[in-house]
Amino acid sequence: MKKIYHLSTCKTCQRIIGELNGGEGFVLQDIKTEPITEAQLQEMYDMAGSYEALFTRRSRKYRAMGLHEQELGEADYKRLILEEYTFLKRPVVVVEDEIFIGNSKSVVAAAAEKAGIN
């Protein structure tokens, strides 16, 4: 399976999808219009090893909700990601049994290599 969880309105996600052959061969899921399910999040967790790895603190709601002043645990990260799509670190690229989280050059390059894109 090759899948990209992204936001269609995010310029960074659009750029990365472009770098990944325009998403050709991938199932694209816009998490704003098609929210991730608990089962999908569990699958990502199983590959990533933690919900914290899937969670972004860059969301505007992170500070607005006062989360920066709280000690969050794995259950909190899971709940927040399911409640609010902006808390998922984007994009999340799944290729076979590997997960690539975020937009750093090294993560995108590793995802492209795993997907066979040069």
PDB file of N, CA and C in Angstrom:
ATOM      1  N   MET A   1       0.838  -1.177   0.000  1.00  0.00           N
ATOM      2  CA  MET A   1       0.000   0.000   0.000  1.00  0.00           C
ATOM      3  C   MET A   1       0.886   1.244   0.000  1.00  0.00           C
ATOM      4  N   LYS A   2       0.494   2.210  -0.794  1.00  0.00           N
ATOM      5  CA  LYS A   2       1.176   3.500  -0.831  1.00  0.00           C
ATOM      6  C   LYS A   2       0.112   4.570  -0.614  1.00  0.00           C
ATOM      7  N   LYS A   3       0.268   5.332   0.460  1.00  0.00           N
ATOM      8  CA  LYS A   3      -0.756   6.317   0.813  1.00  0.00           C
ATOM      9  C   LYS A   3      -0.104   7.570   1.362  1.00  0.00           C
ATOM     10  N   ILE A   4      -0.754   8.703   1.074  1.00  0.00           N
ATOM     11  CA  ILE A   4      -0.293   9.983   1.610  1.00  0.00           C
ATOM     12  C   ILE A   4      -1.473  10.646   2.319  1.00  0.00           C
ATOM     13  N   TYR A   5      -1.287  10.921   3.605  1.00  0.00           N
ATOM     14  CA  TYR A   5      -2.251  11.708   4.380  1.00  0.00           C
ATOM     15  C   TYR A   5      -1.750  13.147   4.318  1.00  0.00           C
ATOM     16  N   HIS A   6      -2.590  14.044   3.829  1.00  0.00           N
ATOM     17  CA  HIS A   6      -2.140  15.415   3.577  1.00  0.00           C
ATOM     18  C   HIS A   6      -3.295  16.392   3.731  1.00  0.00           C
ATOM     19  N   LEU A   7      -2.977  17.663   3.569  1.00  0.00           N
ATOM     20  CA  LEU A   7      -3.981  18.722   3.468  1.00  0.00           C
ATOM     21  C   LEU A   7      -3.853  19.322   2.084  1.00  0.00           C
ATOM     22  N   SER A   8      -4.945  19.341   1.341  1.00  0.00           N
ATOM     23  CA  SER A   8      -4.882  19.849  -0.032  1.00  0.00           C
ATOM     24  C   SER A   8      -4.617  21.351  -0.074  1.00  0.00           C
ATOM     25  N   THR A   9      -4.893  22.056   1.016  1.00  0.00           N
ATOM     26  CA  THR A   9      -4.677  23.501   1.058  1.00  0.00           C
ATOM     27  C   THR A   9      -3.270  23.876   1.520  1.00  0.00           C
ATOM     28  N   CYS A  10      -2.474  22.893   1.889  1.00  0.00           N
ATOM     29  CA  CYS A  10      -1.130  23.137   2.402  1.00  0.00           C
ATOM     30  C   CYS A  10      -0.121  23.148   1.255  1.00  0.00           C
ATOM     31  N   LYS A  11       0.553  24.266   1.084  1.00  0.00           N
ATOM     32  CA  LYS A  11       1.537  24.408  -0.003  1.00  0.00           C
ATOM     33  C   LYS A  11       2.694  23.407   0.148  1.00  0.00           C
ATOM     34  N   THR A  12       3.120  23.170   1.377  1.00  0.00           N
ATOM     35  CA  THR A  12       4.203  22.221   1.608  1.00  0.00           C
ATOM     36  C   THR A  12       3.777  20.814   1.202  1.00  0.00           C
ATOM     37  N   CYS A  13       2.569  20.414   1.582  1.00  0.00           N
ATOM     38  CA  CYS A  13       2.064  19.093   1.191  1.00  0.00           C
ATOM     39  C   CYS A  13       1.977  18.985  -0.329  1.00  0.00           C
ATOM     40  N   GLN A  14       1.503  20.042  -0.977  1.00  0.00           N
ATOM     41  CA  GLN A  14       1.390  20.045  -2.437  1.00  0.00           C
ATOM     42  C   GLN A  14       2.765  19.876  -3.082  1.00  0.00           C
ATOM     43  N   ARG A  15       3.754  20.572  -2.543  1.00  0.00           N
ATOM     44  CA  ARG A  15       5.119  20.487  -3.077  1.00  0.00           C
ATOM     45  C   ARG A  15       5.664  19.072  -2.923  1.00  0.00           C
ATOM     46  N   ILE A  16       5.451  18.479  -1.760  1.00  0.00           N
ATOM     47  CA  ILE A  16       5.975  17.135  -1.504  1.00  0.00           C
ATOM     48  C   ILE A  16       5.270  16.100  -2.380  1.00  0.00           C
ATOM     49  N   ILE A  17       3.972  16.232  -2.544  1.00  0.00           N
ATOM     50  CA  ILE A  17       3.246  15.320  -3.440  1.00  0.00           C
ATOM     51  C   ILE A  17       3.811  15.449  -4.854  1.00  0.00           C
ATOM     52  N   GLY A  18       4.133  16.675  -5.255  1.00  0.00           N
ATOM     53  CA  GLY A  18       4.763  16.892  -6.556  1.00  0.00           C
ATOM     54  C   GLY A  18       6.094  16.174  -6.662  1.00  0.00           C
ATOM     55  N   GLU A  19       6.885  16.205  -5.590  1.00  0.00           N
ATOM     56  CA  GLU A  19       8.178  15.523  -5.570  1.00  0.00           C
ATOM     57  C   GLU A  19       8.004  14.007  -5.602  1.00  0.00           C
ATOM     58  N   LEU A  20       6.842  13.534  -5.158  1.00  0.00           N
ATOM     59  CA  LEU A  20       6.561  12.098  -5.161  1.00  0.00           C
ATOM     60  C   LEU A  20       5.745  11.731  -6.395  1.00  0.00           C
ATOM     61  N   ASN A  21       6.216  12.191  -7.541  1.00  0.00           N
ATOM     62  CA  ASN A  21       5.585  11.877  -8.834  1.00  0.00           C
ATOM     63  C   ASN A  21       4.142  12.362  -8.922  1.00  0.00           C
ATOM     64  N   GLY A  22       3.852  13.471  -8.272  1.00  0.00           N
ATOM     65  CA  GLY A  22       2.496  14.009  -8.306  1.00  0.00           C
ATOM     66  C   GLY A  22       1.494  13.112  -7.595  1.00  0.00           C
ATOM     67  N   GLY A  23       2.002  12.208  -6.756  1.00  0.00           N
ATOM     68  CA  GLY A  23       1.119  11.295  -6.039  1.00  0.00           C
ATOM     69  C   GLY A  23       0.705  10.084  -6.857  1.00  0.00           C
ATOM     70  N   GLU A  24       1.271   9.947  -8.059  1.00  0.00           N
ATOM     71  CA  GLU A  24       0.918   8.812  -8.922  1.00  0.00           C
ATOM     72  C   GLU A  24       1.274   7.497  -8.228  1.00  0.00           C
ATOM     73  N   GLY A  25       0.300   6.606  -8.169  1.00  0.00           N
ATOM     74  CA  GLY A  25       0.505   5.318  -7.514  1.00  0.00           C
ATOM     75  C   GLY A  25       0.194   5.337  -6.035  1.00  0.00           C
ATOM     76  N   PHE A  26      -0.094   6.521  -5.506  1.00  0.00           N
ATOM     77  CA  PHE A  26      -0.441   6.659  -4.101  1.00  0.00           C
ATOM     78  C   PHE A  26      -1.942   6.885  -3.949  1.00  0.00           C
ATOM     79  N   VAL A  27      -2.503   6.435  -2.851  1.00  0.00           N
ATOM     80  CA  VAL A  27      -3.853   6.827  -2.460  1.00  0.00           C
ATOM     81  C   VAL A  27      -3.679   8.121  -1.682  1.00  0.00           C
ATOM     82  N   LEU A  28      -4.344   9.178  -2.118  1.00  0.00           N
ATOM     83  CA  LEU A  28      -4.242  10.471  -1.441  1.00  0.00           C
ATOM     84  C   LEU A  28      -5.465  10.671  -0.557  1.00  0.00           C
ATOM     85  N   GLN A  29      -5.234  11.004   0.711  1.00  0.00           N
ATOM     86  CA  GLN A  29      -6.340  11.277   1.617  1.00  0.00           C
ATOM     87  C   GLN A  29      -6.166  12.661   2.210  1.00  0.00           C
ATOM     88  N   ASP A  30      -7.071  13.568   1.822  1.00  0.00           N
ATOM     89  CA  ASP A  30      -7.089  14.923   2.370  1.00  0.00           C
ATOM     90  C   ASP A  30      -7.755  14.825   3.738  1.00  0.00           C
ATOM     91  N   ILE A  31      -6.981  15.010   4.803  1.00  0.00           N
ATOM     92  CA  ILE A  31      -7.492  14.780   6.147  1.00  0.00           C
ATOM     93  C   ILE A  31      -8.519  15.811   6.607  1.00  0.00           C
ATOM     94  N   LYS A  32      -8.655  16.897   5.859  1.00  0.00           N
ATOM     95  CA  LYS A  32      -9.683  17.877   6.205  1.00  0.00           C
ATOM     96  C   LYS A  32     -11.049  17.429   5.689  1.00  0.00           C
ATOM     97  N   THR A  33     -11.092  16.909   4.485  1.00  0.00           N
ATOM     98  CA  THR A  33     -12.366  16.491   3.900  1.00  0.00           C
ATOM     99  C   THR A  33     -12.694  15.032   4.187  1.00  0.00           C
ATOM    100  N   GLU A  34     -11.670  14.235   4.484  1.00  0.00           N
ATOM    101  CA  GLU A  34     -11.852  12.817   4.817  1.00  0.00           C
ATOM    102  C   GLU A  34     -11.026  12.522   6.070  1.00  0.00           C
ATOM    103  N   PRO A  35     -11.601  12.820   7.245  1.00  0.00           N
ATOM    104  CA  PRO A  35     -10.845  12.670   8.503  1.00  0.00           C
ATOM    105  C   PRO A  35     -10.279  11.261   8.681  1.00  0.00           C
ATOM    106  N   ILE A  36      -9.133  11.203   9.348  1.00  0.00           N
ATOM    107  CA  ILE A  36      -8.543   9.890   9.608  1.00  0.00           C
ATOM    108  C   ILE A  36      -9.392   9.171  10.645  1.00  0.00           C
ATOM    109  N   THR A  37      -9.469   7.870  10.494  1.00  0.00           N
ATOM    110  CA  THR A  37     -10.243   7.046  11.417  1.00  0.00           C
ATOM    111  C   THR A  37      -9.332   6.568  12.534  1.00  0.00           C
ATOM    112  N   GLU A  38      -9.953   6.056  13.581  1.00  0.00           N
ATOM    113  CA  GLU A  38      -9.166   5.515  14.690  1.00  0.00           C
ATOM    114  C   GLU A  38      -8.327   4.330  14.202  1.00  0.00           C
ATOM    115  N   ALA A  39      -8.887   3.518  13.304  1.00  0.00           N
ATOM    116  CA  ALA A  39      -8.153   2.366  12.761  1.00  0.00           C
ATOM    117  C   ALA A  39      -6.935   2.832  11.957  1.00  0.00           C
ATOM    118  N   GLN A  40      -7.096   3.895  11.144  1.00  0.00           N
ATOM    119  CA  GLN A  40      -5.970   4.423  10.370  1.00  0.00           C
ATOM    120  C   GLN A  40      -4.885   4.971  11.302  1.00  0.00           C
ATOM    121  N   LEU A  41      -5.320   5.681  12.346  1.00  0.00           N
ATOM    122  CA  LEU A  41      -4.362   6.236  13.301  1.00  0.00           C
ATOM    123  C   LEU A  41      -3.633   5.111  14.030  1.00  0.00           C
ATOM    124  N   GLN A  42      -4.341   4.052  14.360  1.00  0.00           N
ATOM    125  CA  GLN A  42      -3.716   2.905  15.022  1.00  0.00           C
ATOM    126  C   GLN A  42      -2.666   2.273  14.110  1.00  0.00           C
ATOM    127  N   GLU A  43      -2.981   2.174  12.831  1.00  0.00           N
ATOM    128  CA  GLU A  43      -2.029   1.632  11.857  1.00  0.00           C
ATOM    129  C   GLU A  43      -0.772   2.502  11.787  1.00  0.00           C
ATOM    130  N   MET A  44      -0.952   3.825  11.780  1.00  0.00           N
ATOM    131  CA  MET A  44       0.187   4.745  11.764  1.00  0.00           C
ATOM    132  C   MET A  44       0.999   4.598  13.054  1.00  0.00           C
ATOM    133  N   TYR A  45       0.297   4.477  14.176  1.00  0.00           N
ATOM    134  CA  TYR A  45       0.948   4.306  15.480  1.00  0.00           C
ATOM    135  C   TYR A  45       1.802   3.037  15.492  1.00  0.00           C
ATOM    136  N   ASP A  46       1.256   1.954  14.951  1.00  0.00           N
ATOM    137  CA  ASP A  46       1.982   0.685  14.931  1.00  0.00           C
ATOM    138  C   ASP A  46       3.297   0.810  14.163  1.00  0.00           C
ATOM    139  N   MET A  47       3.311   1.615  13.115  1.00  0.00           N
ATOM    140  CA  MET A  47       4.532   1.809  12.328  1.00  0.00           C
ATOM    141  C   MET A  47       5.464   2.833  12.965  1.00  0.00           C
ATOM    142  N   ALA A  48       4.890   3.902  13.532  1.00  0.00           N
ATOM    143  CA  ALA A  48       5.696   4.995  14.080  1.00  0.00           C
ATOM    144  C   ALA A  48       6.206   4.696  15.487  1.00  0.00           C
ATOM    145  N   GLY A  49       5.448   3.919  16.247  1.00  0.00           N
ATOM    146  CA  GLY A  49       5.874   3.588  17.598  1.00  0.00           C
ATOM    147  C   GLY A  49       5.343   4.499  18.684  1.00  0.00           C
ATOM    148  N   SER A  50       4.766   5.638  18.285  1.00  0.00           N
ATOM    149  CA  SER A  50       4.166   6.530  19.277  1.00  0.00           C
ATOM    150  C   SER A  50       3.214   7.510  18.594  1.00  0.00           C
ATOM    151  N   TYR A  51       2.258   7.992  19.369  1.00  0.00           N
ATOM    152  CA  TYR A  51       1.361   9.023  18.859  1.00  0.00           C
ATOM    153  C   TYR A  51       2.075  10.368  18.849  1.00  0.00           C
ATOM    154  N   GLU A  52       3.015  10.545  19.763  1.00  0.00           N
ATOM    155  CA  GLU A  52       3.755  11.803  19.827  1.00  0.00           C
ATOM    156  C   GLU A  52       4.517  12.057  18.525  1.00  0.00           C
ATOM    157  N   ALA A  53       5.039  10.994  17.906  1.00  0.00           N
ATOM    158  CA  ALA A  53       5.767  11.136  16.641  1.00  0.00           C
ATOM    159  C   ALA A  53       4.852  11.634  15.530  1.00  0.00           C
ATOM    160  N   LEU A  54       3.557  11.381  15.655  1.00  0.00           N
ATOM    161  CA  LEU A  54       2.570  11.796  14.652  1.00  0.00           C
ATOM    162  C   LEU A  54       1.969  13.166  14.954  1.00  0.00           C
ATOM    163  N   PHE A  55       2.292  13.713  16.110  1.00  0.00           N
ATOM    164  CA  PHE A  55       1.670  14.944  16.599  1.00  0.00           C
ATOM    165  C   PHE A  55       2.549  16.145  16.283  1.00  0.00           C
ATOM    166  N   THR A  56       1.921  17.222  15.825  1.00  0.00           N
ATOM    167  CA  THR A  56       2.674  18.452  15.576  1.00  0.00           C
ATOM    168  C   THR A  56       2.305  19.516  16.599  1.00  0.00           C
ATOM    169  N   ARG A  57       3.322  20.185  17.065  1.00  0.00           N
ATOM    170  CA  ARG A  57       3.105  21.303  17.988  1.00  0.00           C
ATOM    171  C   ARG A  57       3.025  22.634  17.227  1.00  0.00           C
ATOM    172  N   ARG A  58       3.112  22.571  15.909  1.00  0.00           N
ATOM    173  CA  ARG A  58       3.064  23.784  15.091  1.00  0.00           C
ATOM    174  C   ARG A  58       1.642  24.249  14.794  1.00  0.00           C
ATOM    175  N   SER A  59       0.665  23.425  15.100  1.00  0.00           N
ATOM    176  CA  SER A  59      -0.727  23.802  14.863  1.00  0.00           C
ATOM    177  C   SER A  59      -1.053  25.067  15.655  1.00  0.00           C
ATOM    178  N   ARG A  60      -1.809  25.946  15.050  1.00  0.00           N
ATOM    179  CA  ARG A  60      -2.210  27.181  15.740  1.00  0.00           C
ATOM    180  C   ARG A  60      -3.022  26.872  16.991  1.00  0.00           C
ATOM    181  N   LYS A  61      -3.743  25.771  16.958  1.00  0.00           N
ATOM    182  CA  LYS A  61      -4.591  25.406  18.088  1.00  0.00           C
ATOM    183  C   LYS A  61      -3.782  24.895  19.277  1.00  0.00           C
ATOM    184  N   TYR A  62      -2.549  24.504  19.058  1.00  0.00           N
ATOM    185  CA  TYR A  62      -1.711  23.988  20.140  1.00  0.00           C
ATOM    186  C   TYR A  62      -1.567  25.023  21.250  1.00  0.00           C
ATOM    187  N   ARG A  63      -1.206  26.229  20.878  1.00  0.00           N
ATOM    188  CA  ARG A  63      -1.064  27.298  21.871  1.00  0.00           C
ATOM    189  C   ARG A  63      -2.430  27.850  22.271  1.00  0.00           C
ATOM    190  N   ALA A  64      -3.332  27.974  21.309  1.00  0.00           N
ATOM    191  CA  ALA A  64      -4.659  28.532  21.590  1.00  0.00           C
ATOM    192  C   ALA A  64      -5.406  27.706  22.644  1.00  0.00           C
ATOM    193  N   MET A  65      -5.187  26.395  22.621  1.00  0.00           N
ATOM    194  CA  MET A  65      -5.846  25.511  23.590  1.00  0.00           C
ATOM    195  C   MET A  65      -5.040  25.381  24.883  1.00  0.00           C
ATOM    196  N   GLY A  66      -3.915  26.068  24.957  1.00  0.00           N
ATOM    197  CA  GLY A  66      -3.086  26.031  26.159  1.00  0.00           C
ATOM    198  C   GLY A  66      -2.338  24.717  26.343  1.00  0.00           C
ATOM    199  N   LEU A  67      -2.193  23.963  25.262  1.00  0.00           N
ATOM    200  CA  LEU A  67      -1.548  22.655  25.365  1.00  0.00           C
ATOM    201  C   LEU A  67      -0.056  22.765  25.669  1.00  0.00           C
ATOM    202  N   HIS A  68       0.547  23.905  25.291  1.00  0.00           N
ATOM    203  CA  HIS A  68       1.973  24.113  25.556  1.00  0.00           C
ATOM    204  C   HIS A  68       2.264  24.213  27.052  1.00  0.00           C
ATOM    205  N   GLU A  69       1.219  24.421  27.853  1.00  0.00           N
ATOM    206  CA  GLU A  69       1.381  24.544  29.306  1.00  0.00           C
ATOM    207  C   GLU A  69       1.026  23.247  30.029  1.00  0.00           C
ATOM    208  N   GLN A  70       0.700  22.200  29.264  1.00  0.00           N
ATOM    209  CA  GLN A  70       0.278  20.934  29.860  1.00  0.00           C
ATOM    210  C   GLN A  70       1.289  19.838  29.560  1.00  0.00           C
ATOM    211  N   GLU A  71       1.287  18.840  30.408  1.00  0.00           N
ATOM    212  CA  GLU A  71       2.092  17.639  30.171  1.00  0.00           C
ATOM    213  C   GLU A  71       1.182  16.639  29.470  1.00  0.00           C
ATOM    214  N   LEU A  72       1.475  16.339  28.219  1.00  0.00           N
ATOM    215  CA  LEU A  72       0.627  15.445  27.439  1.00  0.00           C
ATOM    216  C   LEU A  72       1.211  14.041  27.389  1.00  0.00           C
ATOM    217  N   GLY A  73       0.325  13.049  27.409  1.00  0.00           N
ATOM    218  CA  GLY A  73       0.736  11.655  27.296  1.00  0.00           C
ATOM    219  C   GLY A  73       0.249  11.077  25.980  1.00  0.00           C
ATOM    220  N   GLU A  74       0.576   9.823  25.741  1.00  0.00           N
ATOM    221  CA  GLU A  74       0.192   9.163  24.487  1.00  0.00           C
ATOM    222  C   GLU A  74      -1.315   9.195  24.254  1.00  0.00           C
ATOM    223  N   ALA A  75      -2.103   8.970  25.300  1.00  0.00           N
ATOM    224  CA  ALA A  75      -3.569   8.980  25.165  1.00  0.00           C
ATOM    225  C   ALA A  75      -4.049  10.367  24.743  1.00  0.00           C
ATOM    226  N   ASP A  76      -3.400  11.410  25.269  1.00  0.00           N
ATOM    227  CA  ASP A  76      -3.762  12.785  24.904  1.00  0.00           C
ATOM    228  C   ASP A  76      -3.451  13.054  23.435  1.00  0.00           C
ATOM    229  N   TYR A  77      -2.268  12.624  22.988  1.00  0.00           N
ATOM    230  CA  TYR A  77      -1.891  12.828  21.586  1.00  0.00           C
ATOM    231  C   TYR A  77      -2.894  12.139  20.664  1.00  0.00           C
ATOM    232  N   LYS A  78      -3.247  10.912  20.993  1.00  0.00           N
ATOM    233  CA  LYS A  78      -4.204  10.154  20.177  1.00  0.00           C
ATOM    234  C   LYS A  78      -5.543  10.883  20.107  1.00  0.00           C
ATOM    235  N   ARG A  79      -6.062  11.275  21.259  1.00  0.00           N
ATOM    236  CA  ARG A  79      -7.357  11.960  21.311  1.00  0.00           C
ATOM    237  C   ARG A  79      -7.321  13.255  20.513  1.00  0.00           C
ATOM    238  N   LEU A  80      -6.274  14.038  20.693  1.00  0.00           N
ATOM    239  CA  LEU A  80      -6.172  15.333  20.004  1.00  0.00           C
ATOM    240  C   LEU A  80      -6.087  15.164  18.483  1.00  0.00           C
ATOM    241  N   ILE A  81      -5.319  14.189  18.023  1.00  0.00           N
ATOM    242  CA  ILE A  81      -5.201  13.964  16.577  1.00  0.00           C
ATOM    243  C   ILE A  81      -6.548  13.564  15.997  1.00  0.00           C
ATOM    244  N   LEU A  82      -7.287  12.724  16.708  1.00  0.00           N
ATOM    245  CA  LEU A  82      -8.603  12.291  16.212  1.00  0.00           C
ATOM    246  C   LEU A  82      -9.633  13.422  16.256  1.00  0.00           C
ATOM    247  N   GLU A  83      -9.516  14.305  17.243  1.00  0.00           N
ATOM    248  CA  GLU A  83     -10.472  15.412  17.383  1.00  0.00           C
ATOM    249  C   GLU A  83     -10.191  16.553  16.406  1.00  0.00           C
ATOM    250  N   GLU A  84      -8.934  16.798  16.112  1.00  0.00           N
ATOM    251  CA  GLU A  84      -8.554  17.982  15.326  1.00  0.00           C
ATOM    252  C   GLU A  84      -7.480  17.610  14.302  1.00  0.00           C
ATOM    253  N   TYR A  85      -7.855  17.630  13.021  1.00  0.00           N
ATOM    254  CA  TYR A  85      -6.940  17.200  11.958  1.00  0.00           C
ATOM    255  C   TYR A  85      -5.642  17.987  11.913  1.00  0.00           C
ATOM    256  N   THR A  86      -5.645  19.224  12.389  1.00  0.00           N
ATOM    257  CA  THR A  86      -4.425  20.032  12.299  1.00  0.00           C
ATOM    258  C   THR A  86      -3.325  19.548  13.236  1.00  0.00           C
ATOM    259  N   PHE A  87      -3.634  18.624  14.134  1.00  0.00           N
ATOM    260  CA  PHE A  87      -2.610  18.096  15.035  1.00  0.00           C
ATOM    261  C   PHE A  87      -1.813  16.945  14.428  1.00  0.00           C
ATOM    262  N   LEU A  88      -2.201  16.460  13.258  1.00  0.00           N
ATOM    263  CA  LEU A  88      -1.418  15.413  12.601  1.00  0.00           C
ATOM    264  C   LEU A  88      -0.258  16.069  11.863  1.00  0.00           C
ATOM    265  N   LYS A  89       0.946  15.631  12.165  1.00  0.00           N
ATOM    266  CA  LYS A  89       2.125  16.138  11.464  1.00  0.00           C
ATOM    267  C   LYS A  89       2.013  15.726  10.002  1.00  0.00           C
ATOM    268  N   ARG A  90       2.205  16.674   9.086  1.00  0.00           N
ATOM    269  CA  ARG A  90       1.946  16.395   7.674  1.00  0.00           C
ATOM    270  C   ARG A  90       3.168  16.668   6.809  1.00  0.00           C
ATOM    271  N   PRO A  91       3.179  15.972   5.679  1.00  0.00           N
ATOM    272  CA  PRO A  91       2.335  14.835   5.321  1.00  0.00           C
ATOM    273  C   PRO A  91       2.823  13.562   6.011  1.00  0.00           C
ATOM    274  N   VAL A  92       1.948  12.573   6.038  1.00  0.00           N
ATOM    275  CA  VAL A  92       2.327  11.237   6.489  1.00  0.00           C
ATOM    276  C   VAL A  92       2.286  10.364   5.238  1.00  0.00           C
ATOM    277  N   VAL A  93       3.430   9.784   4.905  1.00  0.00           N
ATOM    278  CA  VAL A  93       3.537   8.933   3.722  1.00  0.00           C
ATOM    279  C   VAL A  93       3.761   7.497   4.196  1.00  0.00           C
ATOM    280  N   VAL A  94       2.906   6.609   3.719  1.00  0.00           N
ATOM    281  CA  VAL A  94       3.038   5.190   4.042  1.00  0.00           C
ATOM    282  C   VAL A  94       3.388   4.455   2.751  1.00  0.00           C
ATOM    283  N   VAL A  95       4.499   3.735   2.793  1.00  0.00           N
ATOM    284  CA  VAL A  95       4.910   2.917   1.649  1.00  0.00           C
ATOM    285  C   VAL A  95       5.178   1.516   2.197  1.00  0.00           C
ATOM    286  N   GLU A  96       4.328   0.583   1.760  1.00  0.00           N
ATOM    287  CA  GLU A  96       4.406  -0.793   2.243  1.00  0.00           C
ATOM    288  C   GLU A  96       4.245  -0.800   3.765  1.00  0.00           C
ATOM    289  N   ASP A  97       5.286  -1.201   4.483  1.00  0.00           N
ATOM    290  CA  ASP A  97       5.226  -1.294   5.943  1.00  0.00           C
ATOM    291  C   ASP A  97       6.062  -0.212   6.624  1.00  0.00           C
ATOM    292  N   GLU A  98       6.411   0.841   5.886  1.00  0.00           N
ATOM    293  CA  GLU A  98       7.203   1.930   6.454  1.00  0.00           C
ATOM    294  C   GLU A  98       6.405   3.225   6.437  1.00  0.00           C
ATOM    295  N   ILE A  99       6.664   4.055   7.452  1.00  0.00           N
ATOM    296  CA  ILE A  99       5.972   5.327   7.556  1.00  0.00           C
ATOM    297  C   ILE A  99       7.001   6.455   7.541  1.00  0.00           C
ATOM    298  N   PHE A 100       6.648   7.538   6.867  1.00  0.00           N
ATOM    299  CA  PHE A 100       7.514   8.714   6.760  1.00  0.00           C
ATOM    300  C   PHE A 100       6.678   9.909   7.204  1.00  0.00           C
ATOM    301  N   ILE A 101       7.098  10.560   8.278  1.00  0.00           N
ATOM    302  CA  ILE A 101       6.289  11.600   8.915  1.00  0.00           C
ATOM    303  C   ILE A 101       6.984  12.946   8.799  1.00  0.00           C
ATOM    304  N   GLY A 102       6.258  13.926   8.273  1.00  0.00           N
ATOM    305  CA  GLY A 102       6.776  15.279   8.228  1.00  0.00           C
ATOM    306  C   GLY A 102       7.334  15.672   6.875  1.00  0.00           C
ATOM    307  N   ASN A 103       7.934  16.863   6.859  1.00  0.00           N
ATOM    308  CA  ASN A 103       8.327  17.441   5.582  1.00  0.00           C
ATOM    309  C   ASN A 103       9.814  17.754   5.458  1.00  0.00           C
ATOM    310  N   SER A 104      10.626  17.186   6.326  1.00  0.00           N
ATOM    311  CA  SER A 104      12.060  17.457   6.199  1.00  0.00           C
ATOM    312  C   SER A 104      12.590  16.808   4.918  1.00  0.00           C
ATOM    313  N   LYS A 105      13.649  17.391   4.375  1.00  0.00           N
ATOM    314  CA  LYS A 105      14.217  16.891   3.123  1.00  0.00           C
ATOM    315  C   LYS A 105      14.600  15.421   3.234  1.00  0.00           C
ATOM    316  N   SER A 106      15.178  15.034   4.365  1.00  0.00           N
ATOM    317  CA  SER A 106      15.630  13.642   4.518  1.00  0.00           C
ATOM    318  C   SER A 106      14.447  12.672   4.571  1.00  0.00           C
ATOM    319  N   VAL A 107      13.358  13.071   5.201  1.00  0.00           N
ATOM    320  CA  VAL A 107      12.159  12.217   5.278  1.00  0.00           C
ATOM    321  C   VAL A 107      11.543  12.059   3.891  1.00  0.00           C
ATOM    322  N   VAL A 108      11.424  13.162   3.157  1.00  0.00           N
ATOM    323  CA  VAL A 108      10.837  13.113   1.810  1.00  0.00           C
ATOM    324  C   VAL A 108      11.725  12.292   0.878  1.00  0.00           C
ATOM    325  N   ALA A 109      13.034  12.456   0.985  1.00  0.00           N
ATOM    326  CA  ALA A 109      13.971  11.687   0.144  1.00  0.00           C
ATOM    327  C   ALA A 109      13.865  10.192   0.461  1.00  0.00           C
ATOM    328  N   ALA A 110      13.749   9.845   1.721  1.00  0.00           N
ATOM    329  CA  ALA A 110      13.630   8.439   2.117  1.00  0.00           C
ATOM    330  C   ALA A 110      12.326   7.846   1.608  1.00  0.00           C
ATOM    331  N   ALA A 111      11.258   8.629   1.669  1.00  0.00           N
ATOM    332  CA  ALA A 111       9.945   8.161   1.163  1.00  0.00           C
ATOM    333  C   ALA A 111      10.012   7.939  -0.343  1.00  0.00           C
ATOM    334  N   ALA A 112      10.639   8.866  -1.052  1.00  0.00           N
ATOM    335  CA  ALA A 112      10.754   8.750  -2.506  1.00  0.00           C
ATOM    336  C   ALA A 112      11.584   7.520  -2.870  1.00  0.00           C
ATOM    337  N   GLU A 113      12.672   7.304  -2.135  1.00  0.00           N
ATOM    338  CA  GLU A 113      13.521   6.140  -2.410  1.00  0.00           C
ATOM    339  C   GLU A 113      12.750   4.846  -2.168  1.00  0.00           C
ATOM    340  N   LYS A 114      12.031   4.777  -1.058  1.00  0.00           N
ATOM    341  CA  LYS A 114      11.261   3.564  -0.738  1.00  0.00           C
ATOM    342  C   LYS A 114      10.170   3.313  -1.803  1.00  0.00           C
ATOM    343  N   ALA A 115       9.591   4.402  -2.320  1.00  0.00           N
ATOM    344  CA  ALA A 115       8.533   4.291  -3.332  1.00  0.00           C
ATOM    345  C   ALA A 115       9.090   4.057  -4.738  1.00  0.00           C
ATOM    346  N   GLY A 116      10.427   4.089  -4.870  1.00  0.00           N
ATOM    347  CA  GLY A 116      11.051   3.850  -6.173  1.00  0.00           C
ATOM    348  C   GLY A 116      11.006   5.057  -7.078  1.00  0.00           C
ATOM    349  N   ILE A 117      10.977   6.249  -6.498  1.00  0.00           N
ATOM    350  CA  ILE A 117      10.937   7.494  -7.265  1.00  0.00           C
ATOM    351  C   ILE A 117      12.324   8.139  -7.204  1.00  0.00           C
ATOM    352  N   ASN A 118      12.882   8.437  -8.359  1.00  0.00           N
ATOM    353  CA  ASN A 118      14.225   9.037  -8.398  1.00  0.00           C
ATOM    354  C   ASN A 118      14.170  10.472  -8.808  1.00  0.00           C
TER     355      ASN A 118
END
